[in-house]
Amino acid sequence: MTDHKLVLPEHPSYPEGLGDLEKPPAIFVLGETSTAPAVAVVGTRKCTRYGLTLAEAFGRALAGAGWTTVSGLARGIDAAAHRGTLSEGGEAVAVLGSGIDVIYPSENADLYRRIVAGRGAIMSEYPPGTPPDRWRFPARNRLIAAIASAVVVVEAGETGGALITARLAAEMGRPVFAVPGDVDRPASMGCNRLIRDGAHPVLGVDDLIAELSLVLGAPAPRRGFGVDLPLTGLAIDQLPEFWGCTPTQAMARLARMEITGEARRSGDVVVPGSR
């Protein structure tokens, strides 16, 4: 592999969040990254169909908001979040527990290629050719937690990598969000306990974008969002057509505009704010 690069902690392109680690490692990078805020979407490999659908929706929403989706390219929740982000042309960063040229699991080879070909990157602290030994994945999770400005756990069992990522993120001062679920569902045990212990519950896509906007601020709207609101206002359900985007993207932009004072709601109508 000749097109990857080794990025040292003192290099200007070194991911800023990794500097919060006790011993920031040199990292191998394949692809390109931006300075957009990053959100980790993680969860169990043994997820439900509901979890897969929600993780993919979260990935799409993050792309629509202009934020980077970080995950581990694992099967299940990780892969679903990556798929959602890529489907909207967003930036995805996959942090591997192997060398950056070793795709694991192999079923995600297409996702790997799409991330590199698009607006994203593959990262690893391990040299090319390093096999995906089990003990490397908990170490990998600390990189995901550090790179991200916030962590979202979609589904998690009582133990596993997603909970490790959430714990490490909380220790570094990153906000942790979790999706609540049935109390007797194994895939919801970890999330419910995270919420019990102080994680922020997230109740859907719009709720997630609104909560993250408070944490990450209001990134610049992506191209294709059309023009600003008319002075007479607009019905909320007309926003997607007016801006030329999906309903999720419209709600993400509206949340940002409300935070910055560019818009306010009056019943079911959105009108320009004071800015």
Protein backbone atom coordinates (compact mmCIF):
# COMPACT_ATOMS: atom_id res chain seq x y z
CA MET A 1 0.00 0.00 0.00
CA THR A 2 1.58 3.25 -1.15
CA ASP A 3 -1.17 5.85 -0.80
CA HIS A 4 -1.51 5.82 2.98
CA LYS A 5 0.36 8.17 5.27
CA LEU A 6 1.71 8.02 8.80
CA VAL A 7 0.58 11.03 10.81
CA LEU A 8 2.51 11.94 13.95
CA PRO A 9 1.00 13.83 16.92
CA GLU A 10 2.93 17.00 16.10
CA HIS A 11 1.66 17.12 12.50
CA PRO A 12 -0.95 19.83 11.65
CA SER A 13 -3.34 17.21 10.19
CA TYR A 14 -3.25 15.04 13.32
CA PRO A 15 -6.83 14.62 14.63
CA GLU A 16 -7.15 17.12 17.45
CA GLY A 17 -9.11 14.85 19.78
CA LEU A 18 -6.38 12.23 19.88
CA GLY A 19 -4.24 14.74 21.74
CA ASP A 20 -6.47 14.14 24.78
CA LEU A 21 -5.11 10.61 25.13
CA GLU A 22 -2.43 9.99 27.74
CA LYS A 23 -0.09 8.73 25.02
CA PRO A 24 -1.28 9.98 21.61
CA PRO A 25 -0.18 7.39 19.04
CA ALA A 26 1.08 7.88 15.52
CA ILE A 27 -1.71 6.84 13.17
CA PHE A 28 -1.85 5.44 9.67
CA VAL A 29 -4.42 7.21 7.49
CA LEU A 30 -5.87 6.21 4.13
CA GLY A 31 -8.02 8.95 2.60
CA GLU A 32 -8.72 12.47 3.76
CA THR A 33 -10.43 14.04 6.75
CA SER A 34 -11.88 17.48 7.34
CA THR A 35 -12.13 19.66 10.42
CA ALA A 36 -15.91 19.10 10.73
CA PRO A 37 -17.10 18.00 14.19
CA ALA A 38 -17.14 14.21 14.50
CA VAL A 39 -19.79 12.04 16.12
CA ALA A 40 -19.21 8.38 16.95
CA VAL A 41 -22.14 6.04 16.32
CA VAL A 42 -21.44 2.66 17.88
CA GLY A 43 -23.23 -0.44 19.04
CA THR A 44 -23.39 -4.19 19.20
CA ARG A 45 -22.77 -6.60 16.34
CA LYS A 46 -25.74 -8.62 17.65
CA CYS A 47 -28.21 -5.84 16.92
CA THR A 48 -31.88 -5.92 15.98
CA ARG A 49 -33.44 -4.80 12.72
CA TYR A 50 -34.72 -1.76 14.61
CA GLY A 51 -31.17 -0.91 15.68
CA LEU A 52 -29.84 -1.26 12.13
CA THR A 53 -32.56 1.00 10.75
CA LEU A 54 -31.98 3.63 13.42
CA ALA A 55 -28.18 3.58 13.07
CA GLU A 56 -28.49 4.08 9.33
CA ALA A 57 -30.92 6.96 9.87
CA PHE A 58 -28.50 8.53 12.35
CA GLY A 59 -25.69 8.25 9.79
CA ARG A 60 -27.83 9.97 7.15
CA ALA A 61 -28.81 12.73 9.57
CA LEU A 62 -25.21 13.41 10.61
CA ALA A 63 -24.21 13.71 6.97
CA GLY A 64 -27.11 16.08 6.38
CA ALA A 65 -25.96 18.22 9.29
CA GLY A 66 -22.43 18.39 7.87
CA TRP A 67 -20.83 16.37 10.66
CA THR A 68 -18.45 13.42 10.34
CA THR A 69 -19.58 9.93 11.37
CA VAL A 70 -16.92 7.91 13.20
CA SER A 71 -17.23 4.20 13.86
CA GLY A 72 -15.31 0.95 13.69
CA LEU A 73 -16.49 -0.70 10.44
CA ALA A 74 -17.69 -3.69 12.49
CA ARG A 75 -20.76 -5.61 11.38
CA GLY A 76 -24.03 -4.45 12.87
CA ILE A 77 -24.51 -0.92 14.16
CA ASP A 78 -21.12 0.38 12.98
CA ALA A 79 -21.63 -0.68 9.39
CA ALA A 80 -25.21 0.64 9.33
CA ALA A 81 -24.09 4.10 10.49
CA HIS A 82 -21.39 4.16 7.80
CA ARG A 83 -23.93 3.12 5.14
CA GLY A 84 -26.31 5.89 6.14
CA THR A 85 -23.61 8.54 6.00
CA LEU A 86 -22.29 7.40 2.64
CA SER A 87 -25.80 7.30 1.16
CA GLU A 88 -26.05 11.06 1.80
CA GLY A 89 -22.55 11.83 0.50
CA GLY A 90 -21.27 12.54 4.01
CA GLU A 91 -17.86 12.05 5.55
CA ALA A 92 -17.23 8.71 7.28
CA VAL A 93 -14.16 7.78 9.30
CA ALA A 94 -13.55 4.11 10.11
CA VAL A 95 -11.06 3.28 12.85
CA LEU A 96 -9.76 -0.28 12.52
CA GLY A 97 -8.45 -2.82 15.00
CA SER A 98 -6.06 -4.07 12.33
CA GLY A 99 -3.73 -2.60 9.74
CA ILE A 100 -5.45 -0.16 7.40
CA ASP A 101 -5.01 -2.65 4.53
CA VAL A 102 -6.68 -5.51 6.45
CA ILE A 103 -10.46 -5.32 6.05
CA TYR A 104 -12.31 -6.97 8.91
CA PRO A 105 -14.89 -8.29 8.64
CA SER A 106 -14.39 -9.01 4.96
CA GLU A 107 -18.12 -8.55 4.32
CA ASN A 108 -17.59 -4.80 4.75
CA ALA A 109 -15.04 -4.55 1.93
CA ASP A 110 -17.45 -2.51 -0.19
CA LEU A 111 -18.01 -0.03 2.65
CA TYR A 112 -14.25 0.25 3.08
CA ARG A 113 -13.79 1.10 -0.59
CA ARG A 114 -16.67 3.59 -0.60
CA ILE A 115 -15.24 5.43 2.42
CA VAL A 116 -11.84 5.78 0.78
CA ALA A 117 -13.33 6.79 -2.57
CA GLY A 118 -15.63 9.38 -0.99
CA ARG A 119 -15.21 12.08 1.62
CA GLY A 120 -13.68 10.00 4.38
CA ALA A 121 -10.78 8.03 5.75
CA ILE A 122 -9.62 4.75 7.22
CA MET A 123 -7.46 5.07 10.34
CA SER A 124 -5.42 2.70 12.45
CA GLU A 125 -2.55 2.87 14.89
CA TYR A 126 -1.33 -0.51 13.62
CA PRO A 127 1.08 -0.89 10.67
CA PRO A 128 -0.25 -2.29 7.38
CA GLY A 129 -0.56 -6.05 7.46
CA THR A 130 -1.42 -6.23 11.18
CA PRO A 131 -4.08 -8.94 11.74
CA PRO A 132 -7.35 -8.20 13.59
CA ASP A 133 -6.47 -9.87 16.89
CA ARG A 134 -9.27 -9.61 19.48
CA TRP A 135 -7.18 -7.69 22.00
CA ARG A 136 -6.63 -4.85 19.53
CA PHE A 137 -10.28 -3.80 19.45
CA PRO A 138 -10.61 -2.40 23.00
CA ALA A 139 -7.49 -0.34 22.26
CA ARG A 140 -9.06 0.79 18.97
CA ASN A 141 -12.15 1.99 20.87
CA ARG A 142 -10.15 4.61 22.74
CA LEU A 143 -9.28 6.22 19.39
CA ILE A 144 -12.95 6.36 18.38
CA ALA A 145 -13.83 7.97 21.71
CA ALA A 146 -11.02 10.52 21.39
CA ILE A 147 -11.68 11.50 17.78
CA ALA A 148 -15.39 12.06 18.43
CA SER A 149 -16.85 15.19 19.99
CA ALA A 150 -19.83 13.09 21.11
CA VAL A 151 -20.67 9.39 21.24
CA VAL A 152 -24.03 7.82 20.38
CA VAL A 153 -24.73 4.22 21.44
CA VAL A 154 -27.62 2.77 19.45
CA GLU A 155 -27.79 -0.76 20.88
CA ALA A 156 -25.46 -2.56 23.28
CA GLY A 157 -25.47 -5.66 25.41
CA GLU A 158 -24.32 -5.86 29.00
CA THR A 159 -20.69 -5.97 27.86
CA GLY A 160 -18.85 -5.13 24.67
CA GLY A 161 -16.87 -2.58 22.74
CA ALA A 162 -19.63 0.03 22.52
CA LEU A 163 -19.75 0.31 26.32
CA ILE A 164 -15.95 0.59 26.44
CA THR A 165 -16.12 3.43 23.92
CA ALA A 166 -18.86 5.16 25.92
CA ARG A 167 -16.92 4.85 29.18
CA LEU A 168 -13.71 6.17 27.67
CA ALA A 169 -15.58 9.05 26.04
CA ALA A 170 -17.18 10.04 29.34
CA GLU A 171 -13.77 9.95 31.03
CA MET A 172 -12.48 12.40 28.39
CA GLY A 173 -15.43 14.71 28.90
CA ARG A 174 -17.30 13.78 25.71
CA PRO A 175 -21.11 13.76 25.98
CA VAL A 176 -22.58 10.27 25.65
CA PHE A 177 -26.02 9.61 24.16
CA ALA A 178 -27.89 6.30 24.22
CA VAL A 179 -31.09 4.99 22.69
CA PRO A 180 -33.44 3.52 25.32
CA GLY A 181 -35.05 0.15 24.64
CA ASP A 182 -37.14 -2.62 26.13
CA VAL A 183 -35.87 -3.58 29.57
CA ASP A 184 -35.87 -7.29 28.70
CA ARG A 185 -34.20 -6.98 25.30
CA PRO A 186 -30.53 -8.10 25.40
CA ALA A 187 -29.50 -5.52 22.78
CA SER A 188 -30.89 -2.70 24.94
CA MET A 189 -29.35 -3.70 28.27
CA GLY A 190 -26.20 -1.63 27.80
CA CYS A 191 -28.00 1.49 26.58
CA ASN A 192 -30.54 1.41 29.40
CA ARG A 193 -27.76 1.13 31.96
CA LEU A 194 -25.82 3.96 30.34
CA ILE A 195 -28.91 6.16 30.67
CA ARG A 196 -29.36 5.08 34.28
CA ASP A 197 -25.75 6.09 34.92
CA GLY A 198 -26.07 9.53 33.33
CA ALA A 199 -25.98 9.21 29.53
CA HIS A 200 -28.39 11.44 27.62
CA PRO A 201 -31.36 9.50 26.20
CA VAL A 202 -31.95 10.13 22.49
CA LEU A 203 -35.48 9.56 21.21
CA GLY A 204 -35.02 9.64 17.46
CA VAL A 205 -33.28 11.38 14.60
CA ASP A 206 -34.67 14.88 15.16
CA ASP A 207 -33.99 14.66 18.89
CA LEU A 208 -30.40 13.57 18.20
CA ILE A 209 -29.72 16.45 15.80
CA ALA A 210 -31.24 18.99 18.18
CA GLU A 211 -29.17 17.68 21.12
CA LEU A 212 -25.95 17.54 19.11
CA SER A 213 -26.51 21.07 17.82
CA LEU A 214 -26.34 22.28 21.41
CA VAL A 215 -23.03 20.46 21.87
CA LEU A 216 -21.35 20.95 18.49
CA GLY A 217 -22.73 24.32 17.51
CA ALA A 218 -24.21 25.17 14.13
CA PRO A 219 -22.04 24.02 11.22
CA ALA A 220 -22.47 25.75 7.87
CA PRO A 221 -25.32 24.35 5.77
CA ARG A 222 -24.25 21.96 3.03
CA ARG A 223 -24.66 22.85 -0.62
CA GLY A 224 -28.10 22.19 -2.03
CA PHE A 225 -30.09 23.54 0.90
CA GLY A 226 -31.51 26.34 -1.21
CA VAL A 227 -32.24 29.86 0.01
CA ASP A 228 -33.12 31.35 3.35
CA LEU A 229 -36.65 31.52 4.70
CA PRO A 230 -39.08 33.98 3.12
CA LEU A 231 -40.05 36.93 5.29
CA THR A 232 -43.64 35.67 5.45
CA GLY A 233 -42.54 32.34 6.89
CA LEU A 234 -43.14 28.78 5.75
CA ALA A 235 -45.01 25.73 7.04
CA ILE A 236 -42.65 23.18 8.60
CA ASP A 237 -43.80 20.41 6.26
CA GLN A 238 -42.87 22.62 3.27
CA LEU A 239 -39.23 22.99 4.30
CA PRO A 240 -37.86 19.87 2.53
CA GLU A 241 -39.29 20.94 -0.84
CA PHE A 242 -38.31 24.58 -0.30
CA TRP A 243 -34.69 23.74 0.54
CA GLY A 244 -34.46 20.82 -1.86
CA CYS A 245 -33.48 18.24 0.76
CA THR A 246 -34.83 15.32 2.79
CA PRO A 247 -37.12 15.86 5.82
CA THR A 248 -34.30 14.83 8.16
CA GLN A 249 -31.90 17.33 6.59
CA ALA A 250 -34.56 20.04 6.79
CA MET A 251 -35.10 19.44 10.51
CA ALA A 252 -31.34 19.45 11.08
CA ARG A 253 -30.98 22.82 9.37
CA LEU A 254 -34.00 24.20 11.20
CA ALA A 255 -32.52 23.13 14.54
CA ARG A 256 -29.27 24.94 13.72
CA MET A 257 -31.13 28.07 12.61
CA GLU A 258 -33.18 28.14 15.81
CA ILE A 259 -30.02 27.89 17.91
CA THR A 260 -28.32 30.72 16.02
CA GLY A 261 -31.45 32.88 16.04
CA GLU A 262 -31.93 32.76 12.28
CA ALA A 263 -35.38 31.17 12.61
CA ARG A 264 -38.14 30.67 15.14
CA ARG A 265 -41.31 28.59 15.20
CA SER A 266 -44.77 30.06 15.44
CA GLY A 267 -47.06 27.06 15.73
CA ASP A 268 -46.57 24.99 12.58
CA VAL A 269 -44.92 27.87 10.75
CA VAL A 270 -41.23 28.81 10.70
CA VAL A 271 -40.39 32.49 10.34
CA PRO A 272 -37.06 34.31 10.08
CA GLY A 273 -35.47 35.16 13.42
CA SER A 274 -33.84 38.34 14.60
CA ARG A 275 -30.51 37.72 12.88
